[in-house]
Amino acid sequence: MDHYADLLQTLAQQEESLQFERFDNDAALAVGLWIVEEVRKRGKAVTVNITRNGQVLFHHAMTGATADQADWIRRKNNTVQRFCRSSYYMGISYKSRGSTFEDVKYLDDIEYAGHGGAFPLLIRGVGLVGTVTVSGLAQADDHALVVAALQAQLDK
């Protein structure tokens, strides 16, 4: 259980530090392309989705991506929108309590997923305005990829 506590602390810290002063369409394009290029270097395929205020700013399914990845993105995004936490945080949070996200009775697992890959797009002083989501790798890798892309954009 200590492993989960440490991981939850790391995930919460990421959400606190990966906040933007502003995030426009050009930033979405830069983040999306950064993710695509990074995954291409690894010889993998993912689907990437970036939304702001309900508008899709970037969406790309790489060659080799599956149609199921778009549904995973929808479900992970629903989780972020509902809880204002990363989808990975939510899944780990339930595991840390000896349960699973899928066991939550009031959440339909057709609509929500507590698997890594969706990260809240946060504007400092405003809060949640959208999501940055990847599907196609292992959940920890999906999450880490989004975190690295957001950090790279903030470092510019």
C-alpha atoms as a PDB file:
ATOM      1  CA  MET A   1       0.000   0.000   0.000  1.00  0.00           C
ATOM      2  CA  ASP A   2       2.942   2.381   0.582  1.00  0.00           C
ATOM      3  CA  HIS A   3       3.724   2.076  -3.107  1.00  0.00           C
ATOM      4  CA  TYR A   4       0.230   3.383  -3.908  1.00  0.00           C
ATOM      5  CA  ALA A   5       0.585   6.260  -1.423  1.00  0.00           C
ATOM      6  CA  ASP A   6       3.885   7.314  -2.980  1.00  0.00           C
ATOM      7  CA  LEU A   7       2.458   7.026  -6.496  1.00  0.00           C
ATOM      8  CA  LEU A   8      -0.652   9.039  -5.578  1.00  0.00           C
ATOM      9  CA  GLN A   9       1.567  11.756  -4.101  1.00  0.00           C
ATOM     10  CA  THR A  10       3.619  11.871  -7.318  1.00  0.00           C
ATOM     11  CA  LEU A  11       0.484  12.017  -9.463  1.00  0.00           C
ATOM     12  CA  ALA A  12      -1.011  14.813  -7.347  1.00  0.00           C
ATOM     13  CA  GLN A  13       2.258  16.757  -7.590  1.00  0.00           C
ATOM     14  CA  GLN A  14       2.191  16.396 -11.380  1.00  0.00           C
ATOM     15  CA  GLU A  15      -1.311  17.848 -11.487  1.00  0.00           C
ATOM     16  CA  GLU A  16      -0.182  20.766  -9.347  1.00  0.00           C
ATOM     17  CA  SER A  17       2.932  21.550 -11.356  1.00  0.00           C
ATOM     18  CA  LEU A  18       1.658  20.937 -14.898  1.00  0.00           C
ATOM     19  CA  GLN A  19      -0.588  23.972 -15.073  1.00  0.00           C
ATOM     20  CA  PHE A  20      -0.541  26.613 -17.771  1.00  0.00           C
ATOM     21  CA  GLU A  21      -1.043  30.353 -17.739  1.00  0.00           C
ATOM     22  CA  ARG A  22      -2.789  29.919 -21.104  1.00  0.00           C
ATOM     23  CA  PHE A  23      -3.277  27.063 -23.538  1.00  0.00           C
ATOM     24  CA  ASP A  24      -4.291  27.924 -27.088  1.00  0.00           C
ATOM     25  CA  ASN A  25      -4.766  25.960 -30.309  1.00  0.00           C
ATOM     26  CA  ASP A  26      -1.090  26.305 -31.212  1.00  0.00           C
ATOM     27  CA  ALA A  27      -0.068  24.857 -27.848  1.00  0.00           C
ATOM     28  CA  ALA A  28      -2.415  21.930 -28.455  1.00  0.00           C
ATOM     29  CA  LEU A  29      -0.842  21.329 -31.847  1.00  0.00           C
ATOM     30  CA  ALA A  30       2.667  21.452 -30.365  1.00  0.00           C
ATOM     31  CA  VAL A  31       1.770  19.008 -27.571  1.00  0.00           C
ATOM     32  CA  GLY A  32      -0.020  16.648 -29.943  1.00  0.00           C
ATOM     33  CA  LEU A  33       2.829  16.622 -32.459  1.00  0.00           C
ATOM     34  CA  TRP A  34       5.400  16.146 -29.676  1.00  0.00           C
ATOM     35  CA  ILE A  35       3.509  13.031 -28.531  1.00  0.00           C
ATOM     36  CA  VAL A  36       3.194  11.637 -32.066  1.00  0.00           C
ATOM     37  CA  GLU A  37       6.899  12.129 -32.774  1.00  0.00           C
ATOM     38  CA  GLU A  38       7.950  10.601 -29.445  1.00  0.00           C
ATOM     39  CA  VAL A  39       5.776   7.520 -30.024  1.00  0.00           C
ATOM     40  CA  ARG A  40       7.005   7.215 -33.604  1.00  0.00           C
ATOM     41  CA  LYS A  41      10.605   7.061 -32.290  1.00  0.00           C
ATOM     42  CA  ARG A  42       9.550   4.130 -30.119  1.00  0.00           C
ATOM     43  CA  GLY A  43       8.012   2.288 -33.063  1.00  0.00           C
ATOM     44  CA  LYS A  44       4.577   2.233 -31.430  1.00  0.00           C
ATOM     45  CA  ALA A  45       1.128   3.543 -32.367  1.00  0.00           C
ATOM     46  CA  VAL A  46      -1.308   5.554 -30.238  1.00  0.00           C
ATOM     47  CA  THR A  47      -4.295   7.790 -30.567  1.00  0.00           C
ATOM     48  CA  VAL A  48      -3.895  11.317 -29.162  1.00  0.00           C
ATOM     49  CA  ASN A  49      -6.725  13.663 -28.231  1.00  0.00           C
ATOM     50  CA  ILE A  50      -6.564  17.199 -26.821  1.00  0.00           C
ATOM     51  CA  THR A  51      -9.691  19.131 -25.878  1.00  0.00           C
ATOM     52  CA  ARG A  52     -10.352  22.560 -24.415  1.00  0.00           C
ATOM     53  CA  ASN A  53     -13.803  23.678 -23.277  1.00  0.00           C
ATOM     54  CA  GLY A  54     -15.470  20.812 -25.130  1.00  0.00           C
ATOM     55  CA  GLN A  55     -13.720  21.553 -28.427  1.00  0.00           C
ATOM     56  CA  VAL A  56     -11.330  19.022 -29.933  1.00  0.00           C
ATOM     57  CA  LEU A  57      -8.125  20.936 -30.693  1.00  0.00           C
ATOM     58  CA  PHE A  58      -6.040  17.929 -31.744  1.00  0.00           C
ATOM     59  CA  HIS A  59      -6.883  14.338 -32.588  1.00  0.00           C
ATOM     60  CA  HIS A  60      -4.670  11.886 -34.390  1.00  0.00           C
ATOM     61  CA  ALA A  61      -4.765   8.107 -34.717  1.00  0.00           C
ATOM     62  CA  MET A  62      -1.341   6.910 -35.823  1.00  0.00           C
ATOM     63  CA  THR A  63      -0.966   4.171 -38.402  1.00  0.00           C
ATOM     64  CA  GLY A  64      -1.528   0.956 -36.464  1.00  0.00           C
ATOM     65  CA  ALA A  65      -3.835   2.530 -33.887  1.00  0.00           C
ATOM     66  CA  THR A  66      -7.148   0.784 -33.302  1.00  0.00           C
ATOM     67  CA  ALA A  67     -10.698   2.081 -33.215  1.00  0.00           C
ATOM     68  CA  ASP A  68     -10.959   0.930 -29.595  1.00  0.00           C
ATOM     69  CA  GLN A  69      -8.412   3.566 -28.609  1.00  0.00           C
ATOM     70  CA  ALA A  70     -10.899   6.334 -29.410  1.00  0.00           C
ATOM     71  CA  ASP A  71     -13.401   4.751 -27.041  1.00  0.00           C
ATOM     72  CA  TRP A  72     -10.766   4.451 -24.313  1.00  0.00           C
ATOM     73  CA  ILE A  73     -10.036   8.151 -24.816  1.00  0.00           C
ATOM     74  CA  ARG A  74     -13.720   9.020 -24.444  1.00  0.00           C
ATOM     75  CA  ARG A  75     -14.021   7.001 -21.244  1.00  0.00           C
ATOM     76  CA  LYS A  76     -10.786   8.332 -19.735  1.00  0.00           C
ATOM     77  CA  ASN A  77     -11.784  11.904 -20.625  1.00  0.00           C
ATOM     78  CA  ASN A  78     -15.147  11.406 -18.907  1.00  0.00           C
ATOM     79  CA  THR A  79     -13.263  10.360 -15.770  1.00  0.00           C
ATOM     80  CA  VAL A  80     -11.067  13.466 -15.815  1.00  0.00           C
ATOM     81  CA  GLN A  81     -14.049  15.734 -16.466  1.00  0.00           C
ATOM     82  CA  ARG A  82     -16.003  14.223 -13.583  1.00  0.00           C
ATOM     83  CA  PHE A  83     -13.249  14.095 -10.965  1.00  0.00           C
ATOM     84  CA  CYS A  84     -10.799  16.798 -12.113  1.00  0.00           C
ATOM     85  CA  ARG A  85      -7.966  14.305 -11.596  1.00  0.00           C
ATOM     86  CA  SER A  86      -5.934  12.270 -14.057  1.00  0.00           C
ATOM     87  CA  SER A  87      -7.533   8.980 -15.039  1.00  0.00           C
ATOM     88  CA  TYR A  88      -4.425   7.217 -13.707  1.00  0.00           C
ATOM     89  CA  TYR A  89      -4.799   8.944 -10.331  1.00  0.00           C
ATOM     90  CA  MET A  90      -8.398   7.769 -10.107  1.00  0.00           C
ATOM     91  CA  GLY A  91      -7.554   4.150 -10.888  1.00  0.00           C
ATOM     92  CA  ILE A  92      -4.650   4.075  -8.434  1.00  0.00           C
ATOM     93  CA  SER A  93      -6.761   5.797  -5.789  1.00  0.00           C
ATOM     94  CA  TYR A  94      -9.250   2.926  -5.781  1.00  0.00           C
ATOM     95  CA  LYS A  95      -6.487   0.300  -5.885  1.00  0.00           C
ATOM     96  CA  SER A  96      -4.920   1.930  -2.826  1.00  0.00           C
ATOM     97  CA  ARG A  97      -8.184   1.248  -0.998  1.00  0.00           C
ATOM     98  CA  GLY A  98      -8.276  -2.405  -2.018  1.00  0.00           C
ATOM     99  CA  SER A  99     -10.874  -1.912  -4.723  1.00  0.00           C
ATOM    100  CA  THR A 100     -10.975  -1.075  -8.413  1.00  0.00           C
ATOM    101  CA  PHE A 101     -12.389   1.868 -10.264  1.00  0.00           C
ATOM    102  CA  GLU A 102     -14.587  -0.528 -12.229  1.00  0.00           C
ATOM    103  CA  ASP A 103     -16.218  -1.740  -8.991  1.00  0.00           C
ATOM    104  CA  VAL A 104     -17.688   1.696  -8.197  1.00  0.00           C
ATOM    105  CA  LYS A 105     -21.446   1.112  -8.390  1.00  0.00           C
ATOM    106  CA  TYR A 106     -22.445   4.621  -9.436  1.00  0.00           C
ATOM    107  CA  LEU A 107     -20.004   4.741 -12.358  1.00  0.00           C
ATOM    108  CA  ASP A 108     -20.880   2.926 -15.559  1.00  0.00           C
ATOM    109  CA  ASP A 109     -17.690   1.360 -16.919  1.00  0.00           C
ATOM    110  CA  ILE A 110     -19.044   1.898 -20.423  1.00  0.00           C
ATOM    111  CA  GLU A 111     -18.739   5.639 -19.750  1.00  0.00           C
ATOM    112  CA  TYR A 112     -15.729   5.883 -17.404  1.00  0.00           C
ATOM    113  CA  ALA A 113     -12.256   4.345 -17.202  1.00  0.00           C
ATOM    114  CA  GLY A 114      -9.764   4.612 -14.369  1.00  0.00           C
ATOM    115  CA  HIS A 115      -6.777   3.743 -16.556  1.00  0.00           C
ATOM    116  CA  GLY A 116      -3.792   5.981 -17.195  1.00  0.00           C
ATOM    117  CA  GLY A 117      -3.612   8.276 -20.185  1.00  0.00           C
ATOM    118  CA  ALA A 118      -5.983  11.200 -19.628  1.00  0.00           C
ATOM    119  CA  PHE A 119      -4.583  14.226 -17.866  1.00  0.00           C
ATOM    120  CA  PRO A 120      -6.456  17.363 -16.835  1.00  0.00           C
ATOM    121  CA  LEU A 121      -5.628  20.444 -18.866  1.00  0.00           C
ATOM    122  CA  LEU A 122      -5.369  22.991 -16.072  1.00  0.00           C
ATOM    123  CA  ILE A 123      -5.080  26.771 -16.282  1.00  0.00           C
ATOM    124  CA  ARG A 124      -3.547  28.268 -13.155  1.00  0.00           C
ATOM    125  CA  GLY A 125      -6.129  30.278 -11.263  1.00  0.00           C
ATOM    126  CA  VAL A 126      -8.950  28.901 -13.443  1.00  0.00           C
ATOM    127  CA  GLY A 127      -8.866  25.116 -13.083  1.00  0.00           C
ATOM    128  CA  LEU A 128      -9.893  22.362 -15.443  1.00  0.00           C
ATOM    129  CA  VAL A 129     -10.506  23.480 -19.026  1.00  0.00           C
ATOM    130  CA  GLY A 130      -9.921  20.245 -20.941  1.00  0.00           C
ATOM    131  CA  THR A 131      -7.917  17.064 -21.321  1.00  0.00           C
ATOM    132  CA  VAL A 132      -4.771  15.727 -22.945  1.00  0.00           C
ATOM    133  CA  THR A 133      -5.181  12.020 -23.597  1.00  0.00           C
ATOM    134  CA  VAL A 134      -3.217   9.131 -25.076  1.00  0.00           C
ATOM    135  CA  SER A 135      -4.363   5.566 -25.637  1.00  0.00           C
ATOM    136  CA  GLY A 136      -2.407   2.644 -27.002  1.00  0.00           C
ATOM    137  CA  LEU A 137       0.449   1.915 -24.603  1.00  0.00           C
ATOM    138  CA  ALA A 138       0.422   0.411 -21.114  1.00  0.00           C
ATOM    139  CA  GLN A 139      -1.501   2.769 -18.836  1.00  0.00           C
ATOM    140  CA  ALA A 140       1.553   3.973 -16.920  1.00  0.00           C
ATOM    141  CA  ASP A 141       3.291   4.673 -20.238  1.00  0.00           C
ATOM    142  CA  ASP A 142       0.249   6.526 -21.634  1.00  0.00           C
ATOM    143  CA  HIS A 143       0.267   8.698 -18.514  1.00  0.00           C
ATOM    144  CA  ALA A 144       4.033   9.281 -18.543  1.00  0.00           C
ATOM    145  CA  LEU A 145       3.911  10.296 -22.201  1.00  0.00           C
ATOM    146  CA  VAL A 146       1.274  12.961 -21.551  1.00  0.00           C
ATOM    147  CA  VAL A 147       3.193  14.261 -18.529  1.00  0.00           C
ATOM    148  CA  ALA A 148       6.413  14.511 -20.563  1.00  0.00           C
ATOM    149  CA  ALA A 149       4.636  16.309 -23.402  1.00  0.00           C
ATOM    150  CA  LEU A 150       3.030  18.842 -21.068  1.00  0.00           C
ATOM    151  CA  GLN A 151       6.341  19.424 -19.302  1.00  0.00           C
ATOM    152  CA  ALA A 152       8.079  19.953 -22.648  1.00  0.00           C
ATOM    153  CA  GLN A 153       5.460  22.563 -23.603  1.00  0.00           C
ATOM    154  CA  LEU A 154       5.772  24.350 -20.251  1.00  0.00           C
ATOM    155  CA  ASP A 155       9.557  24.381 -20.618  1.00  0.00           C
ATOM    156  CA  LYS A 156       9.347  26.321 -23.911  1.00  0.00           C
END
